């Protein structure tokens, strides 16, 4: 896999963040500390999905939501 690996931030609830990782059909869930490690690493690039920019803190993307799953 080429670096940097592009990750997509697709959801947030409390201290957990949902991130689409290439090759996985469901998002991974990470805490704030791990999200910061991804952001600081030169091996990863994290971009916010358009839907993430519009959601409120109490909304959450489930794996059956097509916007949360990269096909």
N, C-alpha and C. Protein backbone atom coordinates (compact mmCIF):
# COMPACT_ATOMS: atom_id res chain seq x y z
N UNK A 1 0.85 -1.18 0.00
CA UNK A 1 0.00 0.00 0.00
C UNK A 1 0.90 1.24 0.00
N UNK A 2 0.53 2.20 -0.82
CA UNK A 2 1.31 3.43 -0.91
C UNK A 2 1.07 4.32 0.31
N UNK A 3 2.10 5.09 0.65
CA UNK A 3 1.92 6.08 1.71
C UNK A 3 2.00 7.46 1.09
N UNK A 4 1.36 8.44 1.61
CA UNK A 4 0.50 8.34 2.79
C UNK A 4 -0.83 7.66 2.44
N UNK A 5 -1.36 6.96 3.40
CA UNK A 5 -2.64 6.28 3.27
C UNK A 5 -3.73 7.30 3.58
N UNK A 6 -4.70 7.41 2.67
CA UNK A 6 -5.78 8.38 2.85
C UNK A 6 -6.92 7.77 3.66
N UNK A 7 -7.21 8.39 4.79
CA UNK A 7 -8.32 7.98 5.64
C UNK A 7 -9.40 9.04 5.56
N UNK A 8 -10.65 8.62 5.70
CA UNK A 8 -11.77 9.56 5.62
C UNK A 8 -12.54 9.54 6.94
N UNK A 9 -12.61 10.69 7.58
CA UNK A 9 -13.36 10.85 8.82
C UNK A 9 -14.83 11.00 8.45
N UNK A 10 -15.67 10.04 8.90
CA UNK A 10 -17.07 10.01 8.47
C UNK A 10 -18.08 10.17 9.58
N UNK A 11 -17.66 10.08 10.85
CA UNK A 11 -18.62 10.22 11.94
C UNK A 11 -17.95 10.42 13.27
N UNK A 12 -18.74 10.90 14.24
CA UNK A 12 -18.25 11.13 15.60
C UNK A 12 -19.39 10.97 16.58
N UNK A 13 -19.08 10.33 17.71
CA UNK A 13 -20.03 10.26 18.80
C UNK A 13 -19.23 10.23 20.09
N UNK A 14 -19.47 11.23 20.93
CA UNK A 14 -18.72 11.38 22.17
C UNK A 14 -17.22 11.39 21.86
N UNK A 15 -16.47 10.42 22.39
CA UNK A 15 -15.02 10.40 22.17
C UNK A 15 -14.59 9.43 21.07
N UNK A 16 -15.53 8.88 20.32
CA UNK A 16 -15.18 7.94 19.26
C UNK A 16 -15.39 8.58 17.89
N UNK A 17 -14.47 8.28 17.00
CA UNK A 17 -14.52 8.79 15.63
C UNK A 17 -14.57 7.60 14.68
N UNK A 18 -15.42 7.69 13.66
CA UNK A 18 -15.53 6.65 12.64
C UNK A 18 -14.68 7.07 11.45
N UNK A 19 -13.78 6.19 11.03
CA UNK A 19 -12.85 6.48 9.94
C UNK A 19 -12.95 5.37 8.91
N UNK A 20 -13.10 5.75 7.64
CA UNK A 20 -13.03 4.78 6.56
C UNK A 20 -11.56 4.52 6.25
N UNK A 21 -11.19 3.25 6.30
CA UNK A 21 -9.82 2.82 6.01
C UNK A 21 -9.85 2.06 4.69
N UNK A 22 -8.93 2.34 3.77
CA UNK A 22 -8.95 1.68 2.46
C UNK A 22 -8.98 0.15 2.58
N UNK A 23 -9.85 -0.45 1.82
CA UNK A 23 -9.95 -1.90 1.80
C UNK A 23 -10.91 -2.50 2.80
N UNK A 24 -11.40 -1.71 3.75
CA UNK A 24 -12.38 -2.19 4.72
C UNK A 24 -13.76 -1.71 4.33
N UNK A 25 -14.76 -2.57 4.51
CA UNK A 25 -16.12 -2.21 4.13
C UNK A 25 -16.86 -1.47 5.23
N UNK A 26 -16.38 -1.55 6.46
CA UNK A 26 -17.00 -0.83 7.57
C UNK A 26 -15.97 0.11 8.17
N UNK A 27 -16.42 1.23 8.72
CA UNK A 27 -15.46 2.16 9.31
C UNK A 27 -14.86 1.60 10.60
N UNK A 28 -13.64 2.01 10.89
CA UNK A 28 -13.03 1.69 12.16
C UNK A 28 -13.38 2.80 13.14
N UNK A 29 -13.42 2.48 14.42
CA UNK A 29 -13.76 3.47 15.44
C UNK A 29 -12.55 3.68 16.34
N UNK A 30 -12.13 4.93 16.47
CA UNK A 30 -10.94 5.26 17.25
C UNK A 30 -11.27 6.36 18.24
N UNK A 31 -10.50 6.42 19.32
CA UNK A 31 -10.68 7.51 20.28
C UNK A 31 -9.89 8.74 19.81
N UNK A 32 -10.02 9.83 20.53
CA UNK A 32 -9.39 11.09 20.15
C UNK A 32 -7.86 10.96 20.11
N UNK A 33 -7.30 10.25 21.08
CA UNK A 33 -5.84 10.09 21.14
C UNK A 33 -5.30 9.38 19.90
N UNK A 34 -5.96 8.31 19.49
CA UNK A 34 -5.51 7.58 18.30
C UNK A 34 -5.73 8.42 17.04
N UNK A 35 -6.83 9.16 16.99
CA UNK A 35 -7.07 10.05 15.85
C UNK A 35 -5.93 11.06 15.72
N UNK A 36 -5.49 11.61 16.84
CA UNK A 36 -4.39 12.58 16.82
C UNK A 36 -3.08 11.92 16.34
N UNK A 37 -2.86 10.67 16.71
CA UNK A 37 -1.66 9.95 16.24
C UNK A 37 -1.71 9.77 14.72
N UNK A 38 -2.90 9.43 14.20
CA UNK A 38 -3.05 9.32 12.75
C UNK A 38 -2.74 10.65 12.09
N UNK A 39 -3.28 11.74 12.65
CA UNK A 39 -3.08 13.07 12.07
C UNK A 39 -1.62 13.51 12.09
N UNK A 40 -0.89 13.15 13.13
CA UNK A 40 0.50 13.56 13.26
C UNK A 40 1.46 12.69 12.44
N UNK A 41 1.01 11.51 12.08
CA UNK A 41 1.85 10.58 11.34
C UNK A 41 2.00 11.00 9.88
N UNK A 42 3.20 10.86 9.36
CA UNK A 42 3.42 11.16 7.95
C UNK A 42 2.94 10.02 7.05
N UNK A 43 2.54 8.90 7.65
CA UNK A 43 2.06 7.75 6.89
C UNK A 43 0.58 7.85 6.53
N UNK A 44 -0.13 8.80 7.15
CA UNK A 44 -1.57 8.92 6.94
C UNK A 44 -1.96 10.36 6.63
N UNK A 45 -3.03 10.48 5.84
CA UNK A 45 -3.68 11.77 5.59
C UNK A 45 -5.14 11.56 5.93
N UNK A 46 -5.68 12.42 6.79
CA UNK A 46 -7.09 12.30 7.17
C UNK A 46 -7.85 13.48 6.58
N UNK A 47 -8.90 13.15 5.84
CA UNK A 47 -9.76 14.20 5.32
C UNK A 47 -11.16 13.98 5.87
N UNK A 48 -11.87 15.07 6.05
CA UNK A 48 -13.24 15.00 6.56
C UNK A 48 -14.20 14.85 5.39
N UNK A 49 -15.10 13.89 5.48
CA UNK A 49 -16.12 13.73 4.44
C UNK A 49 -17.06 14.92 4.49
N UNK A 50 -17.72 15.20 3.38
CA UNK A 50 -18.68 16.31 3.33
C UNK A 50 -19.80 16.09 4.34
N UNK A 51 -20.22 14.84 4.50
CA UNK A 51 -21.29 14.55 5.46
C UNK A 51 -20.82 14.78 6.89
N UNK A 52 -19.55 14.51 7.19
CA UNK A 52 -19.04 14.72 8.54
C UNK A 52 -19.04 16.21 8.89
N UNK A 53 -18.74 17.04 7.94
CA UNK A 53 -18.69 18.47 8.19
C UNK A 53 -20.07 19.02 8.55
N UNK A 54 -21.13 18.33 8.14
CA UNK A 54 -22.50 18.80 8.35
C UNK A 54 -23.17 18.22 9.58
N UNK A 55 -22.62 17.15 10.17
CA UNK A 55 -23.34 16.47 11.25
C UNK A 55 -23.11 17.13 12.61
N UNK A 56 -24.00 16.82 13.54
CA UNK A 56 -23.86 17.27 14.91
C UNK A 56 -23.16 16.17 15.71
N UNK A 57 -22.70 16.52 16.90
CA UNK A 57 -21.97 15.58 17.73
C UNK A 57 -22.78 14.34 18.10
N UNK A 58 -24.09 14.46 18.22
CA UNK A 58 -24.89 13.31 18.66
C UNK A 58 -25.30 12.39 17.51
N UNK A 59 -24.98 12.74 16.29
CA UNK A 59 -25.30 11.86 15.16
C UNK A 59 -24.19 10.84 14.99
N UNK A 60 -24.53 9.71 14.43
CA UNK A 60 -23.56 8.62 14.28
C UNK A 60 -23.86 7.87 12.99
N UNK A 61 -22.82 7.54 12.26
CA UNK A 61 -22.98 6.78 11.04
C UNK A 61 -22.83 5.31 11.35
N UNK A 62 -23.82 4.52 10.99
CA UNK A 62 -23.75 3.08 11.17
C UNK A 62 -23.25 2.44 9.89
N UNK A 63 -22.77 1.24 9.98
CA UNK A 63 -22.18 0.58 8.82
C UNK A 63 -23.18 0.37 7.70
N UNK A 64 -24.48 0.31 8.01
CA UNK A 64 -25.45 0.13 6.94
C UNK A 64 -25.77 1.44 6.21
N UNK A 65 -25.27 2.56 6.74
CA UNK A 65 -25.43 3.85 6.08
C UNK A 65 -24.46 3.92 4.92
N UNK A 66 -24.96 4.10 3.70
CA UNK A 66 -24.09 4.07 2.52
C UNK A 66 -23.06 5.16 2.51
N UNK A 67 -23.31 6.29 3.19
CA UNK A 67 -22.33 7.35 3.24
C UNK A 67 -21.14 6.97 4.14
N UNK A 68 -21.34 6.05 5.05
CA UNK A 68 -20.30 5.69 6.00
C UNK A 68 -19.43 4.57 5.49
N UNK A 69 -19.83 3.92 4.41
CA UNK A 69 -19.10 2.77 3.92
C UNK A 69 -18.54 3.06 2.54
N UNK A 70 -17.26 2.92 2.40
CA UNK A 70 -16.63 3.10 1.08
C UNK A 70 -16.71 1.77 0.35
N UNK A 71 -17.26 1.80 -0.85
CA UNK A 71 -17.42 0.56 -1.63
C UNK A 71 -16.31 0.44 -2.62
